[in-house]
Structure formats: C-alpha cells, structure tokens
PDB file of N, CA and C in Angstrom:
ATOM      1  N   UNK A   1     103.996  85.318 130.829  1.00  0.00           N
ATOM      2  CA  UNK A   1     103.809  85.496 129.900  1.00  0.00           C
ATOM      3  C   UNK A   1     101.983  84.571 130.346  1.00  0.00           C
ATOM      4  N   UNK A   2     101.802  83.945 131.621  1.00  0.00           N
ATOM      5  CA  UNK A   2     100.219  83.657 131.853  1.00  0.00           C
ATOM      6  C   UNK A   2      99.721  84.746 132.258  1.00  0.00           C
ATOM      7  N   UNK A   3     100.379  85.852 133.022  1.00  0.00           N
ATOM      8  CA  UNK A   3      99.463  86.548 133.557  1.00  0.00           C
ATOM      9  C   UNK A   3      98.811  87.732 132.919  1.00  0.00           C
ATOM     10  N   UNK A   4      99.202  88.030 132.570  1.00  0.00           N
ATOM     11  CA  UNK A   4      98.541  89.367 130.962  1.00  0.00           C
ATOM     12  C   UNK A   4      97.443  88.166 130.187  1.00  0.00           C
ATOM     13  N   UNK A   5      97.710  86.863 130.343  1.00  0.00           N
ATOM     14  CA  UNK A   5      96.975  86.444 128.588  1.00  0.00           C
ATOM     15  C   UNK A   5      95.263  86.204 130.165  1.00  0.00           C
ATOM     16  N   UNK A   6      95.710  85.888 131.572  1.00  0.00           N
ATOM     17  CA  UNK A   6      94.443  85.733 132.178  1.00  0.00           C
ATOM     18  C   UNK A   6      93.710  86.850 132.864  1.00  0.00           C
ATOM     19  N   UNK A   7      94.817  88.046 132.682  1.00  0.00           N
ATOM     20  CA  UNK A   7      93.700  89.601 133.178  1.00  0.00           C
ATOM     21  C   UNK A   7      93.201  89.744 131.940  1.00  0.00           C
ATOM     22  N   UNK A   8      93.475  89.372 130.638  1.00  0.00           N
ATOM     23  CA  UNK A   8      92.335  89.518 129.387  1.00  0.00           C
ATOM     24  C   UNK A   8      91.522  89.176 129.329  1.00  0.00           C
ATOM     25  N   UNK A   9      91.558  87.781 129.390  1.00  0.00           N
ATOM     26  CA  UNK A   9      90.975  86.122 129.301  1.00  0.00           C
ATOM     27  C   UNK A   9      90.131  86.449 129.798  1.00  0.00           C
ATOM     28  N   UNK A  10      89.900  85.942 131.488  1.00  0.00           N
ATOM     29  CA  UNK A  10      89.291  85.920 132.587  1.00  0.00           C
ATOM     30  C   UNK A  10      88.429  87.672 133.568  1.00  0.00           C
ATOM     31  N   UNK A  11      89.317  88.383 133.514  1.00  0.00           N
ATOM     32  CA  UNK A  11      89.330  89.035 134.238  1.00  0.00           C
ATOM     33  C   UNK A  11      88.501  90.104 132.995  1.00  0.00           C
ATOM     34  N   UNK A  12      88.784  90.169 131.703  1.00  0.00           N
ATOM     35  CA  UNK A  12      88.215  90.822 131.108  1.00  0.00           C
ATOM     36  C   UNK A  12      89.024  92.686 130.818  1.00  0.00           C
ATOM     37  N   UNK A  13      89.908  92.703 131.384  1.00  0.00           N
ATOM     38  CA  UNK A  13      91.218  94.144 131.958  1.00  0.00           C
ATOM     39  C   UNK A  13      91.423  94.777 129.962  1.00  0.00           C
ATOM     40  N   UNK A  14      92.127  95.888 130.888  1.00  0.00           N
ATOM     41  CA  UNK A  14      91.877  96.332 128.466  1.00  0.00           C
ATOM     42  C   UNK A  14      93.521  96.383 128.919  1.00  0.00           C
ATOM     43  N   UNK A  15      93.802  96.723 127.267  1.00  0.00           N
ATOM     44  CA  UNK A  15      94.979  96.698 127.445  1.00  0.00           C
ATOM     45  C   UNK A  15      96.355  97.616 128.804  1.00  0.00           C
ATOM     46  N   UNK A  16      95.596  98.984 129.028  1.00  0.00           N
ATOM     47  CA  UNK A  16      95.830  99.210 129.756  1.00  0.00           C
ATOM     48  C   UNK A  16      96.287  99.631 130.750  1.00  0.00           C
ATOM     49  N   UNK A  17      94.874  98.582 131.123  1.00  0.00           N
ATOM     50  CA  UNK A  17      94.678  98.112 133.122  1.00  0.00           C
ATOM     51  C   UNK A  17      96.441  97.084 133.151  1.00  0.00           C
ATOM     52  N   UNK A  18      96.522  96.165 131.952  1.00  0.00           N
ATOM     53  CA  UNK A  18      97.656  94.800 132.183  1.00  0.00           C
ATOM     54  C   UNK A  18      99.050  95.470 132.146  1.00  0.00           C
ATOM     55  N   UNK A  19      99.008  97.139 131.003  1.00  0.00           N
ATOM     56  CA  UNK A  19     100.585  97.140 131.195  1.00  0.00           C
ATOM     57  C   UNK A  19     101.002  97.954 132.219  1.00  0.00           C
ATOM     58  N   UNK A  20      99.648  98.667 132.487  1.00  0.00           N
ATOM     59  CA  UNK A  20     100.039 100.196 134.261  1.00  0.00           C
ATOM     60  C   UNK A  20      99.741  99.045 135.133  1.00  0.00           C
ATOM     61  N   UNK A  21      99.108  97.947 135.229  1.00  0.00           N
ATOM     62  CA  UNK A  21      99.477  96.859 136.176  1.00  0.00           C
ATOM     63  C   UNK A  21     100.723  96.878 136.647  1.00  0.00           C
ATOM     64  N   UNK A  22     101.372  96.587 135.030  1.00  0.00           N
ATOM     65  CA  UNK A  22     102.446  94.917 135.262  1.00  0.00           C
ATOM     66  C   UNK A  22     103.650  96.604 135.189  1.00  0.00           C
ATOM     67  N   UNK A  23     103.962  97.847 134.903  1.00  0.00           N
ATOM     68  CA  UNK A  23     104.426  99.080 134.861  1.00  0.00           C
ATOM     69  C   UNK A  23     104.563  99.293 136.675  1.00  0.00           C
ATOM     70  N   UNK A  24     103.345  99.326 137.330  1.00  0.00           N
ATOM     71  CA  UNK A  24     103.682  99.774 138.345  1.00  0.00           C
ATOM     72  C   UNK A  24     104.560  98.621 138.885  1.00  0.00           C
ATOM     73  N   UNK A  25     103.946  96.969 139.149  1.00  0.00           N
ATOM     74  CA  UNK A  25     104.524  95.878 139.905  1.00  0.00           C
ATOM     75  C   UNK A  25     106.304  96.354 139.575  1.00  0.00           C
ATOM     76  N   UNK A  26     106.329  96.436 138.185  1.00  0.00           N
ATOM     77  CA  UNK A  26     108.101  96.789 137.748  1.00  0.00           C
ATOM     78  C   UNK A  26     109.102  97.987 139.269  1.00  0.00           C
ATOM     79  N   UNK A  27     107.792  98.397 139.082  1.00  0.00           N
ATOM     80  CA  UNK A  27     108.150  99.886 139.783  1.00  0.00           C
ATOM     81  C   UNK A  27     108.996  99.539 141.521  1.00  0.00           C
ATOM     82  N   UNK A  28     107.129  98.773 141.784  1.00  0.00           N
ATOM     83  CA  UNK A  28     106.570  98.586 143.324  1.00  0.00           C
ATOM     84  C   UNK A  28     108.275  97.787 143.251  1.00  0.00           C
ATOM     85  N   UNK A  29     108.283  96.708 142.896  1.00  0.00           N
ATOM     86  CA  UNK A  29     109.190  95.568 142.633  1.00  0.00           C
ATOM     87  C   UNK A  29     110.487  96.437 143.179  1.00  0.00           C
ATOM     88  N   UNK A  30     111.419  97.430 142.527  1.00  0.00           N
ATOM     89  CA  UNK A  30     112.388  98.220 142.312  1.00  0.00           C
ATOM     90  C   UNK A  30     112.188  98.821 143.964  1.00  0.00           C
ATOM     91  N   UNK A  31     111.662  99.780 143.779  1.00  0.00           N
ATOM     92  CA  UNK A  31     111.668 100.309 145.203  1.00  0.00           C
ATOM     93  C   UNK A  31     111.718  99.589 146.391  1.00  0.00           C
ATOM     94  N   UNK A  32     110.637  98.258 146.518  1.00  0.00           N
ATOM     95  CA  UNK A  32     111.265  97.654 147.904  1.00  0.00           C
ATOM     96  C   UNK A  32     112.435  96.959 147.537  1.00  0.00           C
ATOM     97  N   UNK A  33     113.153  96.325 146.769  1.00  0.00           N
ATOM     98  CA  UNK A  33     114.319  96.220 146.861  1.00  0.00           C
ATOM     99  C   UNK A  33     115.070  96.905 146.753  1.00  0.00           C
ATOM    100  N   UNK A  34     114.872  98.034 146.563  1.00  0.00           N
ATOM    101  CA  UNK A  34     115.957  99.144 147.208  1.00  0.00           C
ATOM    102  C   UNK A  34     115.882  99.406 148.261  1.00  0.00           C
ATOM    103  N   UNK A  35     114.719  99.330 149.224  1.00  0.00           N
ATOM    104  CA  UNK A  35     114.922  99.962 150.440  1.00  0.00           C
ATOM    105  C   UNK A  35     115.209  98.606 151.854  1.00  0.00           C
ATOM    106  N   UNK A  36     115.058  97.064 151.221  1.00  0.00           N
ATOM    107  CA  UNK A  36     115.488  96.192 151.678  1.00  0.00           C
ATOM    108  C   UNK A  36     115.843  95.928 152.716  1.00  0.00           C
ATOM    109  N   UNK A  37     117.619  96.426 152.070  1.00  0.00           N
ATOM    110  CA  UNK A  37     118.404  96.350 153.608  1.00  0.00           C
ATOM    111  C   UNK A  37     118.024  96.707 154.697  1.00  0.00           C
ATOM    112  N   UNK A  38     117.237  98.088 154.664  1.00  0.00           N
ATOM    113  CA  UNK A  38     117.246  99.361 156.089  1.00  0.00           C
ATOM    114  C   UNK A  38     115.477  97.918 156.016  1.00  0.00           C
ATOM    115  N   UNK A  39     115.013  97.164 155.804  1.00  0.00           N
ATOM    116  CA  UNK A  39     113.951  96.315 156.746  1.00  0.00           C
ATOM    117  C   UNK A  39     114.208  95.225 157.165  1.00  0.00           C
ATOM    118  N   UNK A  40     115.539  94.784 156.414  1.00  0.00           N
ATOM    119  CA  UNK A  40     115.390  93.125 157.282  1.00  0.00           C
ATOM    120  C   UNK A  40     116.808  94.027 158.307  1.00  0.00           C
ATOM    121  N   UNK A  41     117.717  94.752 157.896  1.00  0.00           N
ATOM    122  CA  UNK A  41     118.593  95.469 159.367  1.00  0.00           C
ATOM    123  C   UNK A  41     117.800  95.574 160.716  1.00  0.00           C
ATOM    124  N   UNK A  42     119.156  94.457 161.669  1.00  0.00           N
ATOM    125  CA  UNK A  42     118.185  94.763 163.354  1.00  0.00           C
ATOM    126  C   UNK A  42     119.197  96.134 163.834  1.00  0.00           C
ATOM    127  N   UNK A  43     118.915  97.330 164.298  1.00  0.00           N
ATOM    128  CA  UNK A  43     119.276  98.021 165.429  1.00  0.00           C
ATOM    129  C   UNK A  43     119.861  98.800 164.315  1.00  0.00           C
ATOM    130  N   UNK A  44     120.798 100.092 164.660  1.00  0.00           N
ATOM    131  CA  UNK A  44     121.524 101.080 163.589  1.00  0.00           C
ATOM    132  C   UNK A  44     123.117 100.801 162.729  1.00  0.00           C
ATOM    133  N   UNK A  45     123.026 100.102 164.534  1.00  0.00           N
ATOM    134  CA  UNK A  45     124.576  99.595 163.831  1.00  0.00           C
ATOM    135  C   UNK A  45     124.786  97.795 163.156  1.00  0.00           C
ATOM    136  N   UNK A  46     123.684  97.150 163.425  1.00  0.00           N
ATOM    137  CA  UNK A  46     123.553  96.199 162.742  1.00  0.00           C
ATOM    138  C   UNK A  46     124.569  95.995 161.122  1.00  0.00           C
ATOM    139  N   UNK A  47     124.600  94.806 161.089  1.00  0.00           N
ATOM    140  CA  UNK A  47     125.116  93.904 160.078  1.00  0.00           C
ATOM    141  C   UNK A  47     124.741  93.658 158.930  1.00  0.00           C
ATOM    142  N   UNK A  48     124.442  93.039 157.780  1.00  0.00           N
ATOM    143  CA  UNK A  48     123.203  92.988 156.892  1.00  0.00           C
ATOM    144  C   UNK A  48     122.785  91.748 157.428  1.00  0.00           C
ATOM    145  N   UNK A  49     121.779  90.853 156.276  1.00  0.00           N
ATOM    146  CA  UNK A  49     121.301  90.105 156.791  1.00  0.00           C
ATOM    147  C   UNK A  49     122.190  88.512 156.659  1.00  0.00           C
ATOM    148  N   UNK A  50     121.873  87.782 157.406  1.00  0.00           N
ATOM    149  CA  UNK A  50     122.467  86.318 157.212  1.00  0.00           C
ATOM    150  C   UNK A  50     121.900  84.883 156.456  1.00  0.00           C
ATOM    151  N   UNK A  51     122.552  83.882 156.824  1.00  0.00           N
ATOM    152  CA  UNK A  51     121.510  83.089 156.382  1.00  0.00           C
ATOM    153  C   UNK A  51     120.642  82.773 157.069  1.00  0.00           C
ATOM    154  N   UNK A  52     120.382  82.148 158.108  1.00  0.00           N
ATOM    155  CA  UNK A  52     119.274  82.791 158.833  1.00  0.00           C
ATOM    156  C   UNK A  52     118.114  83.757 158.402  1.00  0.00           C
ATOM    157  N   UNK A  53     118.539  84.834 157.888  1.00  0.00           N
ATOM    158  CA  UNK A  53     116.847  86.083 157.412  1.00  0.00           C
ATOM    159  C   UNK A  53     116.997  85.277 156.393  1.00  0.00           C
ATOM    160  N   UNK A  54     117.712  84.493 155.339  1.00  0.00           N
ATOM    161  CA  UNK A  54     117.603  84.625 153.439  1.00  0.00           C
ATOM    162  C   UNK A  54     116.575  82.826 154.277  1.00  0.00           C
ATOM    163  N   UNK A  55     116.892  81.755 154.155  1.00  0.00           N
ATOM    164  CA  UNK A  55     116.272  80.807 155.551  1.00  0.00           C
ATOM    165  C   UNK A  55     114.774  81.337 155.307  1.00  0.00           C
ATOM    166  N   UNK A  56     114.189  82.713 156.075  1.00  0.00           N
ATOM    167  CA  UNK A  56     112.761  83.103 157.020  1.00  0.00           C
ATOM    168  C   UNK A  56     112.005  83.789 155.625  1.00  0.00           C
ATOM    169  N   UNK A  57     112.930  84.274 154.682  1.00  0.00           N
ATOM    170  CA  UNK A  57     112.655  85.298 153.935  1.00  0.00           C
ATOM    171  C   UNK A  57     111.986  84.291 152.895  1.00  0.00           C
ATOM    172  N   UNK A  58     112.851  83.357 152.722  1.00  0.00           N
ATOM    173  CA  UNK A  58     112.221  82.334 151.567  1.00  0.00           C
ATOM    174  C   UNK A  58     111.525  81.510 152.343  1.00  0.00           C
ATOM    175  N   UNK A  59     110.601  80.804 153.720  1.00  0.00           N
ATOM    176  CA  UNK A  59     109.636  80.812 154.212  1.00  0.00           C
ATOM    177  C   UNK A  59     108.227  81.121 153.676  1.00  0.00           C
ATOM    178  N   UNK A  60     108.640  82.339 154.129  1.00  0.00           N
ATOM    179  CA  UNK A  60     108.199  83.389 154.190  1.00  0.00           C
ATOM    180  C   UNK A  60     107.177  83.138 153.006  1.00  0.00           C
ATOM    181  N   UNK A  61     108.318  83.256 151.397  1.00  0.00           N
ATOM    182  CA  UNK A  61     107.500  83.555 150.145  1.00  0.00           C
ATOM    183  C   UNK A  61     106.585  82.446 149.723  1.00  0.00           C
ATOM    184  N   UNK A  62     107.974  81.364 150.160  1.00  0.00           N
ATOM    185  CA  UNK A  62     106.308  79.956 149.901  1.00  0.00           C
ATOM    186  C   UNK A  62     105.366  80.082 150.451  1.00  0.00           C
ATOM    187  N   UNK A  63     104.528  80.541 151.396  1.00  0.00           N
ATOM    188  CA  UNK A  63     103.410  80.726 152.187  1.00  0.00           C
ATOM    189  C   UNK A  63     102.503  81.109 151.111  1.00  0.00           C
ATOM    190  N   UNK A  64     103.213  82.525 149.999  1.00  0.00           N
ATOM    191  CA  UNK A  64     102.175  82.734 149.544  1.00  0.00           C
ATOM    192  C   UNK A  64     101.303  82.265 148.451  1.00  0.00           C
ATOM    193  N   UNK A  65     101.999  81.499 147.864  1.00  0.00           N
ATOM    194  CA  UNK A  65     101.664  80.530 146.424  1.00  0.00           C
ATOM    195  C   UNK A  65     100.876  79.411 146.966  1.00  0.00           C
ATOM    196  N   UNK A  66     100.636  79.596 148.276  1.00  0.00           N
ATOM    197  CA  UNK A  66      99.833  77.894 149.239  1.00  0.00           C
ATOM    198  C   UNK A  66      98.617  78.564 149.735  1.00  0.00           C
ATOM    199  N   UNK A  67      98.398  79.949 149.258  1.00  0.00           N
ATOM    200  CA  UNK A  67      97.691  80.841 150.802  1.00  0.00           C
ATOM    201  C   UNK A  67      97.065  81.170 149.385  1.00  0.00           C
ATOM    202  N   UNK A  68      97.781  81.590 148.465  1.00  0.00           N
ATOM    203  CA  UNK A  68      96.663  81.594 146.530  1.00  0.00           C
ATOM    204  C   UNK A  68      95.984  80.851 146.369  1.00  0.00           C
ATOM    205  N   UNK A  69      96.978  79.731 146.431  1.00  0.00           N
ATOM    206  CA  UNK A  69      95.873  77.976 146.037  1.00  0.00           C
ATOM    207  C   UNK A  69      95.203  77.713 147.237  1.00  0.00           C
ATOM    208  N   UNK A  70      94.600  78.300 148.627  1.00  0.00           N
ATOM    209  CA  UNK A  70      94.311  77.349 149.322  1.00  0.00           C
ATOM    210  C   UNK A  70      92.615  78.637 149.330  1.00  0.00           C
ATOM    211  N   UNK A  71      92.965  80.316 148.890  1.00  0.00           N
ATOM    212  CA  UNK A  71      91.986  80.932 148.320  1.00  0.00           C
ATOM    213  C   UNK A  71      90.596  80.365 147.455  1.00  0.00           C
ATOM    214  N   UNK A  72      91.581  80.239 146.377  1.00  0.00           N
ATOM    215  CA  UNK A  72      90.989  79.722 145.348  1.00  0.00           C
ATOM    216  C   UNK A  72      90.573  78.382 145.232  1.00  0.00           C
ATOM    217  N   UNK A  73      91.113  77.894 145.775  1.00  0.00           N
ATOM    218  CA  UNK A  73      90.159  76.531 146.662  1.00  0.00           C
ATOM    219  C   UNK A  73      88.788  76.283 147.301  1.00  0.00           C
ATOM    220  N   UNK A  74      89.180  77.178 148.141  1.00  0.00           N
ATOM    221  CA  UNK A  74      87.770  77.562 148.882  1.00  0.00           C
ATOM    222  C   UNK A  74      86.656  78.452 148.182  1.00  0.00           C
ATOM    223  N   UNK A  75      86.906  78.720 146.817  1.00  0.00           N
ATOM    224  CA  UNK A  75      85.848  79.481 145.981  1.00  0.00           C
ATOM    225  C   UNK A  75      85.915  81.151 145.760  1.00  0.00           C
ATOM    226  N   UNK A  76      86.755  82.309 146.840  1.00  0.00           N
ATOM    227  CA  UNK A  76      87.490  82.992 146.503  1.00  0.00           C
ATOM    228  C   UNK A  76      86.950  83.295 145.131  1.00  0.00           C
ATOM    229  N   UNK A  77      86.914  84.998 144.835  1.00  0.00           N
ATOM    230  CA  UNK A  77      86.551  85.578 143.542  1.00  0.00           C
ATOM    231  C   UNK A  77      88.316  85.119 143.691  1.00  0.00           C
ATOM    232  N   UNK A  78      88.838  84.555 141.543  1.00  0.00           N
ATOM    233  CA  UNK A  78      90.185  84.837 141.326  1.00  0.00           C
ATOM    234  C   UNK A  78      91.066  85.673 140.943  1.00  0.00           C
ATOM    235  N   UNK A  79      90.124  87.169 140.690  1.00  0.00           N
ATOM    236  CA  UNK A  79      90.304  88.502 140.348  1.00  0.00           C
ATOM    237  C   UNK A  79      90.729  88.378 141.119  1.00  0.00           C
ATOM    238  N   UNK A  80      90.214  89.292 142.505  1.00  0.00           N
ATOM    239  CA  UNK A  80      90.455  90.110 143.908  1.00  0.00           C
ATOM    240  C   UNK A  80      92.062  88.574 144.264  1.00  0.00           C
ATOM    241  N   UNK A  81      92.047  87.480 144.756  1.00  0.00           N
ATOM    242  CA  UNK A  81      92.308  86.754 145.187  1.00  0.00           C
ATOM    243  C   UNK A  81      93.934  86.742 144.657  1.00  0.00           C
ATOM    244  N   UNK A  82      94.399  86.814 143.238  1.00  0.00           N
ATOM    245  CA  UNK A  82      95.263  86.305 142.503  1.00  0.00           C
ATOM    246  C   UNK A  82      95.594  87.941 142.730  1.00  0.00           C
ATOM    247  N   UNK A  83      95.079  88.948 141.869  1.00  0.00           N
ATOM    248  CA  UNK A  83      95.279  89.813 141.832  1.00  0.00           C
ATOM    249  C   UNK A  83      96.624  91.343 143.891  1.00  0.00           C
ATOM    250  N   UNK A  84      96.206  90.325 144.281  1.00  0.00           N
ATOM    251  CA  UNK A  84      96.087  91.331 145.877  1.00  0.00           C
ATOM    252  C   UNK A  84      97.575  90.077 146.506  1.00  0.00           C
ATOM    253  N   UNK A  85      97.071  89.107 146.490  1.00  0.00           N
ATOM    254  CA  UNK A  85      98.155  87.982 146.144  1.00  0.00           C
ATOM    255  C   UNK A  85      99.199  88.312 145.107  1.00  0.00           C
ATOM    256  N   UNK A  86      99.327  88.599 144.230  1.00  0.00           N
ATOM    257  CA  UNK A  86     100.934  88.549 143.728  1.00  0.00           C
ATOM    258  C   UNK A  86     100.893  89.612 143.778  1.00  0.00           C
ATOM    259  N   UNK A  87     100.528  90.595 145.051  1.00  0.00           N
ATOM    260  CA  UNK A  87     100.495  91.679 145.234  1.00  0.00           C
ATOM    261  C   UNK A  87     102.298  91.484 145.932  1.00  0.00           C
ATOM    262  N   UNK A  88     101.142  90.997 147.200  1.00  0.00           N
ATOM    263  CA  UNK A  88     101.998  90.344 148.486  1.00  0.00           C
ATOM    264  C   UNK A  88     103.033  90.149 148.255  1.00  0.00           C
ATOM    265  N   UNK A  89     102.605  88.630 147.758  1.00  0.00           N
ATOM    266  CA  UNK A  89     104.236  88.024 146.460  1.00  0.00           C
ATOM    267  C   UNK A  89     105.092  88.470 146.178  1.00  0.00           C
ATOM    268  N   UNK A  90     105.096  90.040 144.972  1.00  0.00           N
ATOM    269  CA  UNK A  90     106.467  90.472 144.577  1.00  0.00           C
ATOM    270  C   UNK A  90     107.137  91.122 146.071  1.00  0.00           C
ATOM    271  N   UNK A  91     106.051  92.133 146.775  1.00  0.00           N
ATOM    272  CA  UNK A  91     106.683  93.095 148.140  1.00  0.00           C
ATOM    273  C   UNK A  91     107.511  91.304 148.876  1.00  0.00           C
ATOM    274  N   UNK A  92     107.183  90.594 149.339  1.00  0.00           N
ATOM    275  CA  UNK A  92     107.953  89.618 150.014  1.00  0.00           C
ATOM    276  C   UNK A  92     109.574  88.714 148.526  1.00  0.00           C
ATOM    277  N   UNK A  93     108.893  88.572 148.257  1.00  0.00           N
ATOM    278  CA  UNK A  93     110.085  87.798 146.534  1.00  0.00           C
ATOM    279  C   UNK A  93     111.388  89.209 146.722  1.00  0.00           C
ATOM    280  N   UNK A  94     110.535  90.727 146.506  1.00  0.00           N
ATOM    281  CA  UNK A  94     111.598  92.078 146.266  1.00  0.00           C
ATOM    282  C   UNK A  94     112.669  91.808 147.461  1.00  0.00           C
ATOM    283  N   UNK A  95     112.365  91.448 148.594  1.00  0.00           N
ATOM    284  CA  UNK A  95     113.130  91.817 149.960  1.00  0.00           C
ATOM    285  C   UNK A  95     113.556  90.529 150.136  1.00  0.00           C
ATOM    286  N   UNK A  96     113.206  89.837 149.295  1.00  0.00           N
ATOM    287  CA  UNK A  96     114.109  87.371 149.350  1.00  0.00           C
ATOM    288  C   UNK A  96     114.800  87.676 148.661  1.00  0.00           C
ATOM    289  N   UNK A  97     115.017  88.429 147.002  1.00  0.00           N
ATOM    290  CA  UNK A  97     115.957  88.773 146.623  1.00  0.00           C
ATOM    291  C   UNK A  97     117.007  89.697 146.643  1.00  0.00           C
ATOM    292  N   UNK A  98     116.031  90.828 147.366  1.00  0.00           N
ATOM    293  CA  UNK A  98     118.198  91.753 147.444  1.00  0.00           C
ATOM    294  C   UNK A  98     118.100  90.703 149.232  1.00  0.00           C
ATOM    295  N   UNK A  99     117.656  90.223 149.615  1.00  0.00           N
ATOM    296  CA  UNK A  99     118.999  89.317 150.315  1.00  0.00           C
ATOM    297  C   UNK A  99     119.540  88.579 149.821  1.00  0.00           C
ATOM    298  N   UNK A 100     118.831  87.302 149.769  1.00  0.00           N
ATOM    299  CA  UNK A 100     120.209  87.060 148.788  1.00  0.00           C
ATOM    300  C   UNK A 100     121.246  87.302 148.259  1.00  0.00           C
ATOM    301  N   UNK A 101     120.671  88.824 147.344  1.00  0.00           N
ATOM    302  CA  UNK A 101     121.490  89.351 146.562  1.00  0.00           C
ATOM    303  C   UNK A 101     123.009  90.108 147.258  1.00  0.00           C
ATOM    304  N   UNK A 102     122.085  90.200 148.421  1.00  0.00           N
ATOM    305  CA  UNK A 102     123.658  90.662 149.930  1.00  0.00           C
ATOM    306  C   UNK A 102     124.361  90.066 150.345  1.00  0.00           C
ATOM    307  N   UNK A 103     123.927  88.710 150.040  1.00  0.00           N
ATOM    308  CA  UNK A 103     124.964  87.145 150.655  1.00  0.00           C
ATOM    309  C   UNK A 103     126.395  87.196 150.509  1.00  0.00           C
TER     310      UNK A 103
END
C-alpha cells in the first residue's frame, strides 16, 4: 500500500501512471518467474537448482534494499533510486521465488 501512496504524494504521479507501473510490475514479475528455471539452470541437461542456488539468490536479493537505502542516504534523488531499485529488486525477487518454489 505504501508504494502507490508514495508515487502519488511524493513523486506526483497520476493515477494512470501508478496503475500502469504496478500492472507492468505484475506482468514482468510473471515473465521473469516463468523464465527463471532457464536462467538458473546450468548446462543443457543440468538438473534444477539446489540449496546453494537458493542461498545465492537470497543473498543477492538482500543486497538490493541495502543498496537502495545507501543511495537514499547519500542524497540521490528518491524517484529514480526507488523506481529503478524496485524494478531490479522485483527481477531478483521473481527468480528467488521461482527457485524456492522449485525446491
């Protein structure tokens, strides 16, 4: 709930911009999650991801909120930092979610 309020109140996005962004987020998340098995599989006949893969993606996922926080603390503009950071976070989160679902 906080993101749409932030986009409208702070970044002054319009209703259609917020709705479009969130719709693209959901569609992109689904596409990345569907492609995740191919992204994390190694080799043509390799088996699916194991526990090490899940740990790796969880660690990578944790880096994104930390990077966003550091960027905001350094005074970078919150709009681009949050939008780009959340898009990248969503990509990694979708892969991480697919890896955990595969287990």
